[in-house]
């Protein structure tokens, strides 16, 4: 019984975060199963935060910060590559 409740809670946790990120759950699942990078990363983050018993609200804050960090880091890195190529 505990396992079933835990699974239901986990699904609710994941769907709450995915909806907050304005992603369609079916598309998210499909892309994750296809091994697409973005969805796989988000899923791993969500699962790690769930296992650490982080609240959904706090998990959203952490994921949003991490996404911003990765996006800015990648754009800075790509910009520096463009500058060295020129």
N, C-alpha and C. Protein backbone atom coordinates (compact mmCIF):
# COMPACT_ATOMS: atom_id res chain seq x y z
N UNK A 1 0.83 -1.20 0.00
CA UNK A 1 0.00 0.00 0.00
C UNK A 1 0.87 1.26 0.00
N UNK A 2 1.93 1.23 0.81
CA UNK A 2 2.81 2.39 0.89
C UNK A 2 3.47 2.67 -0.47
N UNK A 3 3.87 1.61 -1.16
CA UNK A 3 4.51 1.76 -2.47
C UNK A 3 3.56 2.42 -3.46
N UNK A 4 2.28 2.00 -3.45
CA UNK A 4 1.29 2.56 -4.37
C UNK A 4 1.08 4.04 -4.08
N UNK A 5 0.99 4.40 -2.82
CA UNK A 5 0.82 5.80 -2.44
C UNK A 5 2.04 6.61 -2.85
N UNK A 6 3.20 6.05 -2.66
CA UNK A 6 4.44 6.72 -3.02
C UNK A 6 4.51 6.98 -4.52
N UNK A 7 4.11 6.00 -5.32
CA UNK A 7 4.13 6.14 -6.77
C UNK A 7 3.16 7.24 -7.22
N UNK A 8 1.99 7.26 -6.60
CA UNK A 8 0.99 8.28 -6.93
C UNK A 8 1.52 9.67 -6.56
N UNK A 9 2.14 9.76 -5.41
CA UNK A 9 2.71 11.04 -4.94
C UNK A 9 3.83 11.49 -5.87
N UNK A 10 4.65 10.55 -6.29
CA UNK A 10 5.77 10.85 -7.20
C UNK A 10 5.25 11.38 -8.54
N UNK A 11 4.22 10.73 -9.09
CA UNK A 11 3.64 11.18 -10.36
C UNK A 11 3.06 12.58 -10.23
N UNK A 12 2.38 12.84 -9.11
CA UNK A 12 1.81 14.16 -8.87
C UNK A 12 2.91 15.22 -8.77
N UNK A 13 4.00 14.88 -8.10
CA UNK A 13 5.15 15.77 -7.94
C UNK A 13 5.73 16.12 -9.31
N UNK A 14 5.96 15.10 -10.13
CA UNK A 14 6.53 15.30 -11.47
C UNK A 14 5.59 16.14 -12.33
N UNK A 15 4.31 15.78 -12.35
CA UNK A 15 3.37 16.50 -13.21
C UNK A 15 3.22 17.95 -12.78
N UNK A 16 3.26 18.22 -11.47
CA UNK A 16 3.16 19.60 -10.99
C UNK A 16 4.31 20.45 -11.54
N UNK A 17 5.51 19.91 -11.49
CA UNK A 17 6.68 20.65 -11.96
C UNK A 17 6.66 20.81 -13.48
N UNK A 18 6.31 19.76 -14.19
CA UNK A 18 6.27 19.82 -15.66
C UNK A 18 5.23 20.83 -16.12
N UNK A 19 4.08 20.84 -15.47
CA UNK A 19 3.04 21.82 -15.82
C UNK A 19 3.52 23.24 -15.54
N UNK A 20 4.21 23.43 -14.41
CA UNK A 20 4.72 24.76 -14.09
C UNK A 20 5.71 25.25 -15.14
N UNK A 21 6.47 24.33 -15.70
CA UNK A 21 7.45 24.68 -16.73
C UNK A 21 6.81 24.85 -18.11
N UNK A 22 5.48 24.79 -18.15
CA UNK A 22 4.69 24.97 -19.38
C UNK A 22 5.05 23.93 -20.44
N UNK A 23 5.19 22.70 -19.98
CA UNK A 23 5.47 21.60 -20.88
C UNK A 23 4.27 20.65 -20.85
N UNK A 24 3.93 20.10 -22.00
CA UNK A 24 2.86 19.12 -22.07
C UNK A 24 3.39 17.79 -21.56
N UNK A 25 2.65 17.16 -20.66
CA UNK A 25 3.11 15.94 -20.04
C UNK A 25 3.31 14.81 -21.05
N UNK A 26 2.42 14.66 -22.00
CA UNK A 26 2.56 13.60 -23.00
C UNK A 26 3.77 13.83 -23.89
N UNK A 27 3.97 15.09 -24.31
CA UNK A 27 5.16 15.40 -25.10
C UNK A 27 6.43 15.18 -24.29
N UNK A 28 6.37 15.57 -23.03
CA UNK A 28 7.52 15.40 -22.15
C UNK A 28 7.90 13.92 -22.04
N UNK A 29 6.90 13.06 -21.79
CA UNK A 29 7.15 11.62 -21.68
C UNK A 29 7.71 11.07 -22.99
N UNK A 30 7.13 11.48 -24.10
CA UNK A 30 7.57 10.98 -25.41
C UNK A 30 9.02 11.38 -25.67
N UNK A 31 9.34 12.64 -25.43
CA UNK A 31 10.71 13.12 -25.66
C UNK A 31 11.70 12.45 -24.72
N UNK A 32 11.30 12.23 -23.47
CA UNK A 32 12.17 11.57 -22.51
C UNK A 32 12.44 10.13 -22.93
N UNK A 33 11.41 9.44 -23.41
CA UNK A 33 11.58 8.06 -23.86
C UNK A 33 12.46 7.98 -25.10
N UNK A 34 12.42 9.04 -25.93
CA UNK A 34 13.27 9.09 -27.12
C UNK A 34 14.70 9.48 -26.76
N UNK A 35 14.92 9.85 -25.51
CA UNK A 35 16.26 10.18 -25.05
C UNK A 35 16.70 11.60 -25.36
N UNK A 36 15.75 12.49 -25.57
CA UNK A 36 16.11 13.88 -25.86
C UNK A 36 16.74 14.50 -24.62
N UNK A 37 17.77 15.27 -24.85
CA UNK A 37 18.63 15.77 -23.79
C UNK A 37 17.89 16.65 -22.77
N UNK A 38 17.17 17.65 -23.23
CA UNK A 38 16.53 18.61 -22.32
C UNK A 38 15.56 17.92 -21.38
N UNK A 39 14.67 17.10 -21.93
CA UNK A 39 13.68 16.42 -21.11
C UNK A 39 14.33 15.42 -20.16
N UNK A 40 15.38 14.75 -20.60
CA UNK A 40 16.07 13.80 -19.74
C UNK A 40 16.73 14.50 -18.56
N UNK A 41 17.32 15.65 -18.81
CA UNK A 41 17.95 16.42 -17.73
C UNK A 41 16.90 16.88 -16.73
N UNK A 42 15.80 17.45 -17.22
CA UNK A 42 14.74 17.91 -16.33
C UNK A 42 14.21 16.75 -15.49
N UNK A 43 14.01 15.60 -16.13
CA UNK A 43 13.48 14.44 -15.41
C UNK A 43 14.45 13.99 -14.32
N UNK A 44 15.73 13.94 -14.62
CA UNK A 44 16.72 13.53 -13.61
C UNK A 44 16.72 14.49 -12.44
N UNK A 45 16.63 15.80 -12.73
CA UNK A 45 16.58 16.78 -11.66
C UNK A 45 15.35 16.59 -10.79
N UNK A 46 14.20 16.40 -11.43
CA UNK A 46 12.95 16.22 -10.69
C UNK A 46 13.03 15.00 -9.78
N UNK A 47 13.53 13.90 -10.31
CA UNK A 47 13.63 12.66 -9.52
C UNK A 47 14.58 12.84 -8.35
N UNK A 48 15.72 13.47 -8.58
CA UNK A 48 16.68 13.69 -7.48
C UNK A 48 16.06 14.55 -6.39
N UNK A 49 15.34 15.59 -6.78
CA UNK A 49 14.70 16.46 -5.79
C UNK A 49 13.59 15.73 -5.06
N UNK A 50 12.86 14.89 -5.77
CA UNK A 50 11.81 14.10 -5.12
C UNK A 50 12.42 13.15 -4.09
N UNK A 51 13.49 12.50 -4.45
CA UNK A 51 14.15 11.56 -3.54
C UNK A 51 14.74 12.26 -2.31
N UNK A 52 15.08 13.53 -2.46
CA UNK A 52 15.58 14.31 -1.33
C UNK A 52 14.45 14.91 -0.51
N UNK A 53 13.21 14.60 -0.89
CA UNK A 53 12.02 15.05 -0.18
C UNK A 53 11.88 16.58 -0.18
N UNK A 54 12.21 17.18 -1.31
CA UNK A 54 12.07 18.62 -1.48
C UNK A 54 10.62 18.91 -1.85
N UNK A 55 10.09 20.02 -1.37
CA UNK A 55 8.72 20.38 -1.71
C UNK A 55 8.64 20.76 -3.18
N UNK A 56 7.47 20.60 -3.80
CA UNK A 56 7.34 20.98 -5.21
C UNK A 56 7.69 22.45 -5.47
N UNK A 57 7.29 23.31 -4.57
CA UNK A 57 7.59 24.75 -4.72
C UNK A 57 9.10 25.00 -4.73
N UNK A 58 9.79 24.39 -3.80
CA UNK A 58 11.26 24.54 -3.73
C UNK A 58 11.93 23.88 -4.93
N UNK A 59 11.41 22.74 -5.36
CA UNK A 59 11.97 22.05 -6.53
C UNK A 59 11.86 22.93 -7.77
N UNK A 60 10.73 23.61 -7.92
CA UNK A 60 10.55 24.51 -9.07
C UNK A 60 11.58 25.62 -9.03
N UNK A 61 11.81 26.19 -7.84
CA UNK A 61 12.80 27.26 -7.71
C UNK A 61 14.19 26.75 -8.11
N UNK A 62 14.55 25.59 -7.63
CA UNK A 62 15.87 25.03 -7.93
C UNK A 62 16.02 24.74 -9.41
N UNK A 63 15.00 24.14 -10.01
CA UNK A 63 15.07 23.80 -11.44
C UNK A 63 15.12 25.06 -12.29
N UNK A 64 14.35 26.07 -11.94
CA UNK A 64 14.38 27.32 -12.72
C UNK A 64 15.77 27.97 -12.65
N UNK A 65 16.37 27.98 -11.47
CA UNK A 65 17.72 28.53 -11.33
C UNK A 65 18.73 27.72 -12.14
N UNK A 66 18.61 26.41 -12.08
CA UNK A 66 19.54 25.54 -12.81
C UNK A 66 19.39 25.75 -14.31
N UNK A 67 18.16 25.88 -14.79
CA UNK A 67 17.94 26.11 -16.23
C UNK A 67 18.56 27.43 -16.66
N UNK A 68 18.37 28.46 -15.87
CA UNK A 68 18.96 29.77 -16.20
C UNK A 68 20.48 29.67 -16.23
N UNK A 69 21.05 28.99 -15.24
CA UNK A 69 22.49 28.83 -15.19
C UNK A 69 23.01 28.12 -16.43
N UNK A 70 22.38 27.03 -16.78
CA UNK A 70 22.82 26.26 -17.95
C UNK A 70 22.64 27.06 -19.23
N UNK A 71 21.51 27.74 -19.38
CA UNK A 71 21.28 28.52 -20.60
C UNK A 71 22.27 29.66 -20.73
N UNK A 72 22.54 30.36 -19.64
CA UNK A 72 23.49 31.47 -19.72
C UNK A 72 24.91 30.96 -19.90
N UNK A 73 25.24 29.88 -19.22
CA UNK A 73 26.59 29.33 -19.35
C UNK A 73 26.82 28.86 -20.78
N UNK A 74 25.83 28.20 -21.35
CA UNK A 74 25.98 27.71 -22.72
C UNK A 74 26.03 28.86 -23.71
N UNK A 75 25.24 29.91 -23.50
CA UNK A 75 25.27 31.02 -24.44
C UNK A 75 26.59 31.78 -24.34
N UNK A 76 27.13 31.91 -23.13
CA UNK A 76 28.44 32.57 -22.96
C UNK A 76 29.52 31.72 -23.62
N UNK A 77 29.44 30.41 -23.42
CA UNK A 77 30.41 29.50 -24.01
C UNK A 77 30.34 29.55 -25.54
N UNK A 78 29.13 29.53 -26.08
CA UNK A 78 28.97 29.59 -27.54
C UNK A 78 29.45 30.92 -28.09
N UNK A 79 29.18 32.01 -27.37
CA UNK A 79 29.65 33.32 -27.81
C UNK A 79 31.17 33.38 -27.82
N UNK A 80 31.79 32.79 -26.82
CA UNK A 80 33.26 32.80 -26.78
C UNK A 80 33.83 31.96 -27.90
N UNK A 81 33.16 30.87 -28.26
CA UNK A 81 33.61 30.08 -29.39
C UNK A 81 33.52 30.87 -30.70
N UNK A 82 32.42 31.58 -30.85
CA UNK A 82 32.25 32.39 -32.07
C UNK A 82 33.34 33.45 -32.19
N UNK A 83 33.69 34.04 -31.06
CA UNK A 83 34.72 35.09 -31.06
C UNK A 83 36.10 34.53 -31.38
N UNK A 84 36.38 33.33 -30.96
CA UNK A 84 37.71 32.74 -31.24
C UNK A 84 37.80 32.26 -32.69
N UNK A 85 36.67 31.92 -33.29
CA UNK A 85 36.67 31.47 -34.67
C UNK A 85 36.93 32.63 -35.63
N UNK A 86 36.46 33.80 -35.27
CA UNK A 86 36.61 34.98 -36.15
C UNK A 86 38.01 35.43 -36.28
